[in-house]
Amino acid sequence: MRAHPIYISFQRRWQLPVYFQLRWREIVGRLEDILSGAMPSSTVEEGFATPQASAVYHAVQSCWSSEIYIPELGHRFWRLTLQILSRYNAFLEETLPKRQNVDNSLSTDPTYSESRVPTPSLSGNSSQDSSAADEVMLKQFASTILDIRTLQQRVNDLWQREIGMLMPETPSDGDQTQSSEDILRESLEPLTSRIPELSSSIMQALIRRCVETLGLVRSIPSQYRAMSKKRDPTEPSYFVATILQPVRHFLGPGGPGESLSAEFGHEWTTSVFDAVTTRYTSHLNNMKKTEDSLRRYKKGKKSAFSLFGGGSSRDEEEGKDEDRVRAQMGLDVEALGQDALAMGVDVENNEAFKTLKLTAMQSGE
């Protein structure tokens, strides 16, 4: 009797729920331990940036491995697969900084203000803290984008290789309007839809870090006025090479965004360059207004004391200073353009850069 096919079939089916429950605990338990940090994992599959995302893919893969999968439980393993993907999205929701918090960190930091140039003695610590926070955020966001992209590709490949062939046929009733592949794609959508927001936050952080240096532009006129030995400028200002440095470090070898440079590098670099040149132009315009006010003040002061003479030589020297400032501005802007060109930006056709060049030519006039 125990050898009868009907009895064997009955016994096997009776054990199936127990088997699935054991496998469920094994797969989900390990995943939750890694997501919660209760079981630190140093194992990261190639292509992933974090052990959490690697564990998510491993959990999905386990559902369909030959050592675990049973055709009679196909629908349950399919449901578990979708639940695992949903769990990863919930994990990201819990661990990623909220967009409002990111925007606040970019807008409230004193070094981001256009009207304020921070001094090292007063805001050096604030700037260092902000830079450290940016480094953490940039690494986290870049890692998340890489993980989502890799998970999407690996799961789709797994569908083509295994899931699609192992999946039991869905019942043909009026309620079933989607294919299993479409359902899988929709399950990945909440993850992939995070990428544009993460990308935008990365660009904002890079922009903030790049424009911090632009405050030094305002020191150029006073620098030439204070020089004891006047000389015409022959090279860009020392700080120009550092303006786009945060982007180079982020996308360059060993940087957090190196693996994403092929897909996002051009977009991020161009967007950051547009924002930097726009801010640079604003600095020059504000500086020109300040210089014009100073010029009018000096002119009024000179007219009151013109009968004492000696004004022509000072006027000539001040005119030379303005020429030197204008020449320095031109060198700085050209150097910034060359830097961006080396990073793949289409500088020649960039409207923001054209405006910056024109503004630099008019500075001091």
Protein backbone atom coordinates (compact mmCIF):
# COMPACT_ATOMS: atom_id res chain seq x y z
CA MET A 1 0.00 0.00 0.00
CA ARG A 2 2.80 2.45 0.89
CA ALA A 3 4.36 1.73 -2.53
CA HIS A 4 1.20 2.66 -4.38
CA PRO A 5 1.64 5.76 -6.67
CA ILE A 6 -1.43 7.42 -5.20
CA TYR A 7 -0.05 7.08 -1.65
CA ILE A 8 3.39 8.36 -2.70
CA SER A 9 1.78 11.32 -4.46
CA PHE A 10 -0.38 12.06 -1.40
CA GLN A 11 2.61 11.86 0.97
CA ARG A 12 4.70 14.14 -1.24
CA ARG A 13 1.95 16.72 -1.49
CA TRP A 14 1.38 16.60 2.23
CA GLN A 15 5.04 17.43 2.77
CA LEU A 16 5.20 20.26 0.20
CA PRO A 17 3.90 23.03 2.49
CA VAL A 18 6.36 21.98 5.17
CA TYR A 19 9.19 21.93 2.64
CA PHE A 20 8.34 25.39 1.34
CA GLN A 21 8.10 26.78 4.86
CA LEU A 22 11.58 25.48 5.64
CA ARG A 23 13.00 26.93 2.43
CA TRP A 24 11.19 30.21 3.04
CA ARG A 25 12.77 30.53 6.48
CA GLU A 26 16.18 29.67 5.07
CA ILE A 27 16.03 32.19 2.20
CA VAL A 28 14.21 35.04 3.94
CA GLY A 29 15.98 34.59 7.26
CA ARG A 30 19.42 34.96 5.74
CA LEU A 31 18.31 37.95 3.67
CA GLU A 32 16.80 39.73 6.66
CA ASP A 33 19.89 39.13 8.74
CA ILE A 34 22.04 40.84 6.11
CA LEU A 35 19.60 43.71 5.50
CA SER A 36 19.31 44.40 9.21
CA GLY A 37 23.05 44.07 9.82
CA ALA A 38 22.56 41.22 12.26
CA MET A 39 24.78 39.06 10.06
CA PRO A 40 27.46 41.18 8.39
CA SER A 41 28.42 39.82 5.01
CA SER A 42 31.68 40.56 3.27
CA THR A 43 30.62 38.59 0.21
CA VAL A 44 29.55 40.83 -2.66
CA GLU A 45 28.88 39.35 -6.06
CA GLU A 46 30.70 40.95 -8.96
CA GLY A 47 28.78 43.92 -10.31
CA PHE A 48 27.13 44.86 -7.03
CA ALA A 49 28.36 47.60 -4.73
CA THR A 50 26.84 46.46 -1.44
CA PRO A 51 26.32 43.11 0.30
CA GLN A 52 22.63 43.95 0.79
CA ALA A 53 21.86 44.14 -2.92
CA SER A 54 24.02 41.08 -3.56
CA ALA A 55 22.02 39.20 -0.91
CA VAL A 56 18.75 40.20 -2.56
CA TYR A 57 19.85 38.73 -5.87
CA HIS A 58 21.16 35.60 -4.14
CA ALA A 59 17.75 35.16 -2.47
CA VAL A 60 15.94 35.47 -5.81
CA GLN A 61 18.41 33.09 -7.44
CA SER A 62 17.96 30.55 -4.64
CA CYS A 63 14.21 30.33 -5.28
CA TRP A 64 14.90 28.90 -8.74
CA SER A 65 18.03 26.84 -8.13
CA SER A 66 17.90 23.13 -8.87
CA GLU A 67 18.72 22.35 -5.23
CA ILE A 68 15.63 24.17 -3.94
CA TYR A 69 13.00 24.62 -6.62
CA ILE A 70 10.12 22.13 -6.93
CA PRO A 71 7.68 22.52 -9.85
CA GLU A 72 4.65 21.86 -7.66
CA LEU A 73 5.63 24.91 -5.59
CA GLY A 74 6.34 27.11 -8.60
CA HIS A 75 3.64 29.65 -7.82
CA ARG A 76 4.84 30.01 -4.23
CA PHE A 77 8.44 30.54 -5.25
CA TRP A 78 7.23 33.05 -7.84
CA ARG A 79 5.33 34.96 -5.16
CA LEU A 80 8.39 34.83 -2.90
CA THR A 81 10.53 36.26 -5.71
CA LEU A 82 8.23 39.27 -6.05
CA GLN A 83 8.15 39.72 -2.27
CA ILE A 84 11.96 39.76 -2.12
CA LEU A 85 12.12 42.54 -4.72
CA SER A 86 9.48 44.47 -2.80
CA ARG A 87 11.44 43.99 0.42
CA TYR A 88 14.55 45.49 -1.15
CA ASN A 89 12.56 48.54 -2.23
CA ALA A 90 11.29 48.92 1.34
CA PHE A 91 14.87 48.60 2.59
CA LEU A 92 15.97 51.47 0.32
CA GLU A 93 13.02 53.55 1.48
CA GLU A 94 14.16 53.06 5.07
CA THR A 95 17.87 53.66 4.58
CA LEU A 96 18.20 56.32 1.88
CA PRO A 97 18.07 59.97 2.99
CA LYS A 98 14.75 61.61 2.19
CA ARG A 99 14.82 64.06 -0.72
CA GLN A 100 13.75 66.96 1.51
CA ASN A 101 16.69 66.31 3.83
CA VAL A 102 19.07 66.18 0.87
CA ASP A 103 17.71 69.46 -0.54
CA ASN A 104 18.04 71.12 2.88
CA SER A 105 21.67 70.01 3.18
CA LEU A 106 22.38 71.59 -0.19
CA SER A 107 20.54 74.86 0.35
CA THR A 108 21.19 75.70 4.01
CA ASP A 109 24.94 75.16 4.08
CA PRO A 110 26.61 78.59 4.32
CA THR A 111 29.13 77.77 1.61
CA TYR A 112 26.31 77.28 -0.89
CA SER A 113 25.14 80.88 -0.53
CA GLU A 114 26.06 83.07 -3.48
CA SER A 115 26.16 86.24 -1.46
CA ARG A 116 28.55 84.95 1.19
CA VAL A 117 32.18 84.01 0.76
CA PRO A 118 33.21 81.91 3.78
CA THR A 119 36.42 82.62 5.60
CA PRO A 120 38.53 79.70 6.82
CA SER A 121 38.57 80.93 10.40
CA LEU A 122 34.80 81.10 10.69
CA SER A 123 33.44 78.38 8.43
CA GLY A 124 36.31 75.98 7.88
CA ASN A 125 34.85 73.35 10.19
CA SER A 126 31.40 73.76 8.65
CA SER A 127 32.84 73.31 5.17
CA GLN A 128 34.80 70.22 6.23
CA ASP A 129 31.73 68.67 7.87
CA SER A 130 29.68 69.42 4.79
CA SER A 131 32.29 67.88 2.50
CA ALA A 132 32.46 64.75 4.64
CA ALA A 133 28.65 64.46 4.57
CA ASP A 134 28.70 64.92 0.80
CA GLU A 135 31.27 62.16 0.41
CA VAL A 136 29.08 59.72 2.34
CA MET A 137 25.95 60.71 0.44
CA LEU A 138 27.61 60.57 -2.98
CA LYS A 139 29.00 57.12 -2.27
CA GLN A 140 25.65 55.86 -0.98
CA PHE A 141 23.66 57.21 -3.91
CA ALA A 142 26.16 55.99 -6.51
CA SER A 143 26.24 52.54 -4.90
CA THR A 144 22.44 52.39 -4.90
CA ILE A 145 22.19 53.28 -8.59
CA LEU A 146 24.79 50.66 -9.45
CA ASP A 147 23.02 48.03 -7.32
CA ILE A 148 19.62 48.76 -8.88
CA ARG A 149 21.01 48.63 -12.41
CA THR A 150 22.88 45.38 -11.70
CA LEU A 151 19.92 43.77 -9.96
CA GLN A 152 17.62 44.72 -12.82
CA GLN A 153 19.98 43.20 -15.37
CA ARG A 154 20.68 40.04 -13.36
CA VAL A 155 17.02 39.35 -12.59
CA ASN A 156 16.05 39.85 -16.23
CA ASP A 157 18.86 37.49 -17.28
CA LEU A 158 17.68 34.98 -14.68
CA TRP A 159 14.19 35.20 -16.17
CA GLN A 160 15.51 34.37 -19.61
CA ARG A 161 17.72 31.51 -18.40
CA GLU A 162 15.63 29.87 -15.70
CA ILE A 163 12.52 31.53 -14.29
CA GLY A 164 10.72 31.86 -17.61
CA MET A 165 11.25 28.17 -18.36
CA LEU A 166 10.46 26.91 -14.86
CA MET A 167 7.42 29.08 -14.21
CA PRO A 168 4.20 27.03 -14.21
CA GLU A 169 1.56 28.12 -16.65
CA THR A 170 -0.78 30.73 -15.24
CA PRO A 171 -4.45 29.85 -15.23
CA SER A 172 -6.29 31.27 -18.20
CA ASP A 173 -9.12 33.19 -16.60
CA GLY A 174 -10.53 36.63 -17.11
CA ASP A 175 -8.56 38.12 -14.23
CA GLN A 176 -5.17 37.22 -15.71
CA THR A 177 -4.40 40.11 -18.07
CA GLN A 178 -0.61 40.33 -17.61
CA SER A 179 2.15 37.93 -18.46
CA SER A 180 4.53 36.84 -15.73
CA GLU A 181 7.34 38.73 -17.46
CA ASP A 182 5.30 41.94 -17.34
CA ILE A 183 4.61 41.37 -13.65
CA LEU A 184 8.35 40.93 -13.04
CA ARG A 185 9.07 44.12 -14.92
CA GLU A 186 6.51 46.00 -12.85
CA SER A 187 8.04 44.61 -9.66
CA LEU A 188 11.38 46.10 -10.68
CA GLU A 189 9.84 49.45 -11.59
CA PRO A 190 9.72 50.88 -8.03
CA LEU A 191 13.46 50.27 -7.85
CA THR A 192 14.43 51.67 -11.24
CA SER A 193 12.17 54.70 -10.75
CA ARG A 194 14.46 55.78 -7.91
CA ILE A 195 17.37 56.33 -10.27
CA PRO A 196 16.37 59.78 -11.66
CA GLU A 197 15.96 61.20 -8.15
CA LEU A 198 19.25 59.69 -7.00
CA SER A 199 20.96 61.06 -10.10
CA SER A 200 19.54 64.52 -9.45
CA SER A 201 20.75 64.45 -5.84
CA ILE A 202 24.23 63.44 -7.00
CA MET A 203 24.33 66.36 -9.43
CA GLN A 204 23.19 68.81 -6.74
CA ALA A 205 25.88 67.62 -4.35
CA LEU A 206 28.57 67.89 -7.03
CA ILE A 207 27.36 71.35 -8.01
CA ARG A 208 27.48 72.53 -4.42
CA ARG A 209 31.02 71.24 -4.00
CA CYS A 210 32.20 72.84 -7.24
CA VAL A 211 30.70 76.28 -6.65
CA GLU A 212 32.30 76.55 -3.20
CA THR A 213 35.53 77.55 -4.92
CA LEU A 214 33.95 80.33 -6.99
CA GLY A 215 33.89 82.72 -4.05
CA LEU A 216 37.62 83.22 -4.61
CA VAL A 217 36.85 84.99 -7.92
CA ARG A 218 35.90 88.10 -5.97
CA SER A 219 39.38 88.45 -4.52
CA ILE A 220 41.03 89.03 -7.92
CA PRO A 221 40.52 92.85 -8.17
CA SER A 222 41.79 93.50 -4.63
CA GLN A 223 44.68 91.14 -5.29
CA TYR A 224 45.91 93.26 -8.21
CA ARG A 225 45.33 96.50 -6.35
CA ALA A 226 47.43 95.27 -3.43
CA MET A 227 50.35 94.04 -5.55
CA SER A 228 53.54 96.00 -4.90
CA LYS A 229 55.12 94.90 -8.16
CA LYS A 230 52.52 95.17 -10.88
CA ARG A 231 52.67 92.57 -13.64
CA ASP A 232 50.36 91.36 -16.36
CA PRO A 233 48.78 87.92 -15.77
CA THR A 234 50.23 85.02 -17.75
CA GLU A 235 48.48 82.01 -16.22
CA PRO A 236 45.10 81.11 -14.68
CA SER A 237 44.41 81.69 -11.01
CA TYR A 238 45.50 78.84 -8.74
CA PHE A 239 41.94 77.89 -7.76
CA VAL A 240 40.56 77.37 -11.29
CA ALA A 241 41.96 73.85 -11.57
CA THR A 242 40.08 72.86 -8.42
CA ILE A 243 36.62 74.04 -9.51
CA LEU A 244 35.65 70.83 -11.33
CA GLN A 245 37.88 68.64 -9.21
CA PRO A 246 34.95 67.08 -7.25
CA VAL A 247 33.51 65.74 -10.52
CA ARG A 248 36.87 64.34 -11.61
CA HIS A 249 37.35 62.57 -8.29
CA PHE A 250 33.80 61.24 -8.27
CA LEU A 251 33.87 59.79 -11.80
CA GLY A 252 37.58 59.04 -12.02
CA PRO A 253 39.49 55.84 -11.24
CA GLY A 254 38.62 54.63 -7.76
CA GLY A 255 35.83 57.19 -7.37
CA PRO A 256 32.32 56.28 -6.18
CA GLY A 257 30.87 56.97 -9.61
CA GLU A 258 33.53 55.27 -11.72
CA SER A 259 31.27 52.33 -12.62
CA LEU A 260 28.50 54.73 -13.64
CA SER A 261 30.60 57.07 -15.76
CA ALA A 262 29.75 55.36 -19.05
CA GLU A 263 26.00 55.75 -18.50
CA PHE A 264 25.78 58.99 -16.51
CA GLY A 265 29.19 60.67 -16.82
CA HIS A 266 28.39 62.99 -19.71
CA GLU A 267 25.02 64.04 -18.30
CA TRP A 268 26.39 64.73 -14.84
CA THR A 269 29.49 66.56 -16.04
CA THR A 270 27.54 68.75 -18.46
CA SER A 271 24.87 69.60 -15.88
CA VAL A 272 27.45 70.49 -13.26
CA PHE A 273 29.40 72.59 -15.77
CA ASP A 274 26.21 74.45 -16.78
CA ALA A 275 25.43 75.25 -13.14
CA VAL A 276 29.01 76.26 -12.35
CA THR A 277 29.30 78.60 -15.35
CA THR A 278 25.92 80.16 -14.53
CA ARG A 279 27.04 80.77 -10.94
CA TYR A 280 30.43 82.03 -12.20
CA THR A 281 28.64 84.54 -14.45
CA SER A 282 26.54 85.70 -11.50
CA HIS A 283 29.69 86.24 -9.42
CA LEU A 284 31.26 88.32 -12.20
CA ASN A 285 28.12 90.43 -12.63
CA ASN A 286 27.95 91.12 -8.89
CA MET A 287 31.64 91.88 -8.83
CA LYS A 288 31.23 94.31 -11.75
CA LYS A 289 28.48 96.15 -9.87
CA THR A 290 30.74 96.44 -6.83
CA GLU A 291 33.63 97.73 -8.93
CA ASP A 292 31.37 100.25 -10.69
CA SER A 293 30.20 101.57 -7.32
CA LEU A 294 33.79 101.84 -6.12
CA ARG A 295 34.79 103.63 -9.32
CA ARG A 296 32.01 106.19 -8.93
CA TYR A 297 32.97 106.75 -5.32
CA LYS A 298 36.60 107.35 -6.23
CA LYS A 299 35.61 109.62 -9.09
CA GLY A 300 33.53 111.81 -6.77
CA LYS A 301 36.32 111.90 -4.23
CA LYS A 302 38.86 112.91 -6.85
CA SER A 303 36.73 115.78 -8.19
CA ALA A 304 36.55 117.27 -4.70
CA PHE A 305 40.35 117.31 -4.39
CA SER A 306 41.31 117.78 -8.05
CA LEU A 307 42.90 121.18 -7.38
CA PHE A 308 45.72 119.39 -5.55
CA GLY A 309 46.66 117.57 -8.76
CA GLY A 310 48.36 114.17 -9.12
CA GLY A 311 45.17 112.42 -10.27
CA SER A 312 46.21 111.53 -13.82
CA SER A 313 48.94 109.07 -12.78
CA ARG A 314 46.63 107.30 -10.39
CA ASP A 315 43.92 107.11 -13.07
CA GLU A 316 46.39 105.57 -15.48
CA GLU A 317 47.53 102.98 -12.95
CA GLU A 318 43.95 102.10 -12.01
CA GLY A 319 43.14 101.68 -15.68
CA LYS A 320 46.04 99.25 -16.01
CA ASP A 321 44.78 97.33 -12.98
CA GLU A 322 41.39 96.97 -14.63
CA ASP A 323 43.05 95.67 -17.78
CA ARG A 324 45.00 93.16 -15.70
CA VAL A 325 41.83 92.01 -13.93
CA ARG A 326 40.06 91.60 -17.25
CA ALA A 327 42.99 89.64 -18.66
CA GLN A 328 43.05 87.43 -15.56
CA MET A 329 39.33 86.76 -15.89
CA GLY A 330 39.83 85.73 -19.49
CA LEU A 331 42.64 83.33 -18.60
CA ASP A 332 40.58 81.81 -15.79
CA VAL A 333 37.50 81.27 -17.93
CA GLU A 334 39.52 79.75 -20.77
CA ALA A 335 41.24 77.39 -18.32
CA LEU A 336 37.86 76.32 -16.91
CA GLY A 337 36.64 75.63 -20.43
CA GLN A 338 39.70 73.52 -21.24
CA ASP A 339 39.20 71.58 -18.03
CA ALA A 340 35.58 70.84 -18.93
CA LEU A 341 36.57 69.95 -22.51
CA ALA A 342 39.00 67.35 -21.19
CA MET A 343 36.08 65.84 -19.24
CA GLY A 344 33.95 65.47 -22.36
CA VAL A 345 31.78 68.60 -22.21
CA ASP A 346 30.83 70.20 -25.52
CA VAL A 347 32.22 73.56 -24.45
CA GLU A 348 32.07 75.18 -27.88
CA ASN A 349 28.29 74.85 -28.11
CA ASN A 350 27.54 75.43 -24.43
CA GLU A 351 25.36 78.54 -24.11
CA ALA A 352 26.13 79.06 -20.43
CA PHE A 353 29.86 79.08 -21.16
CA LYS A 354 29.40 81.53 -24.05
CA THR A 355 27.63 83.89 -21.67
CA LEU A 356 30.43 83.48 -19.12
CA LYS A 357 33.11 84.32 -21.69
CA LEU A 358 31.24 87.43 -22.78
CA THR A 359 30.78 88.54 -19.17
CA ALA A 360 34.48 88.00 -18.44
CA MET A 361 35.45 90.13 -21.45
CA GLN A 362 33.24 92.96 -20.18
CA SER A 363 34.48 92.79 -16.58
CA GLY A 364 36.30 95.93 -15.61
CA GLU A 365 34.86 97.97 -18.48
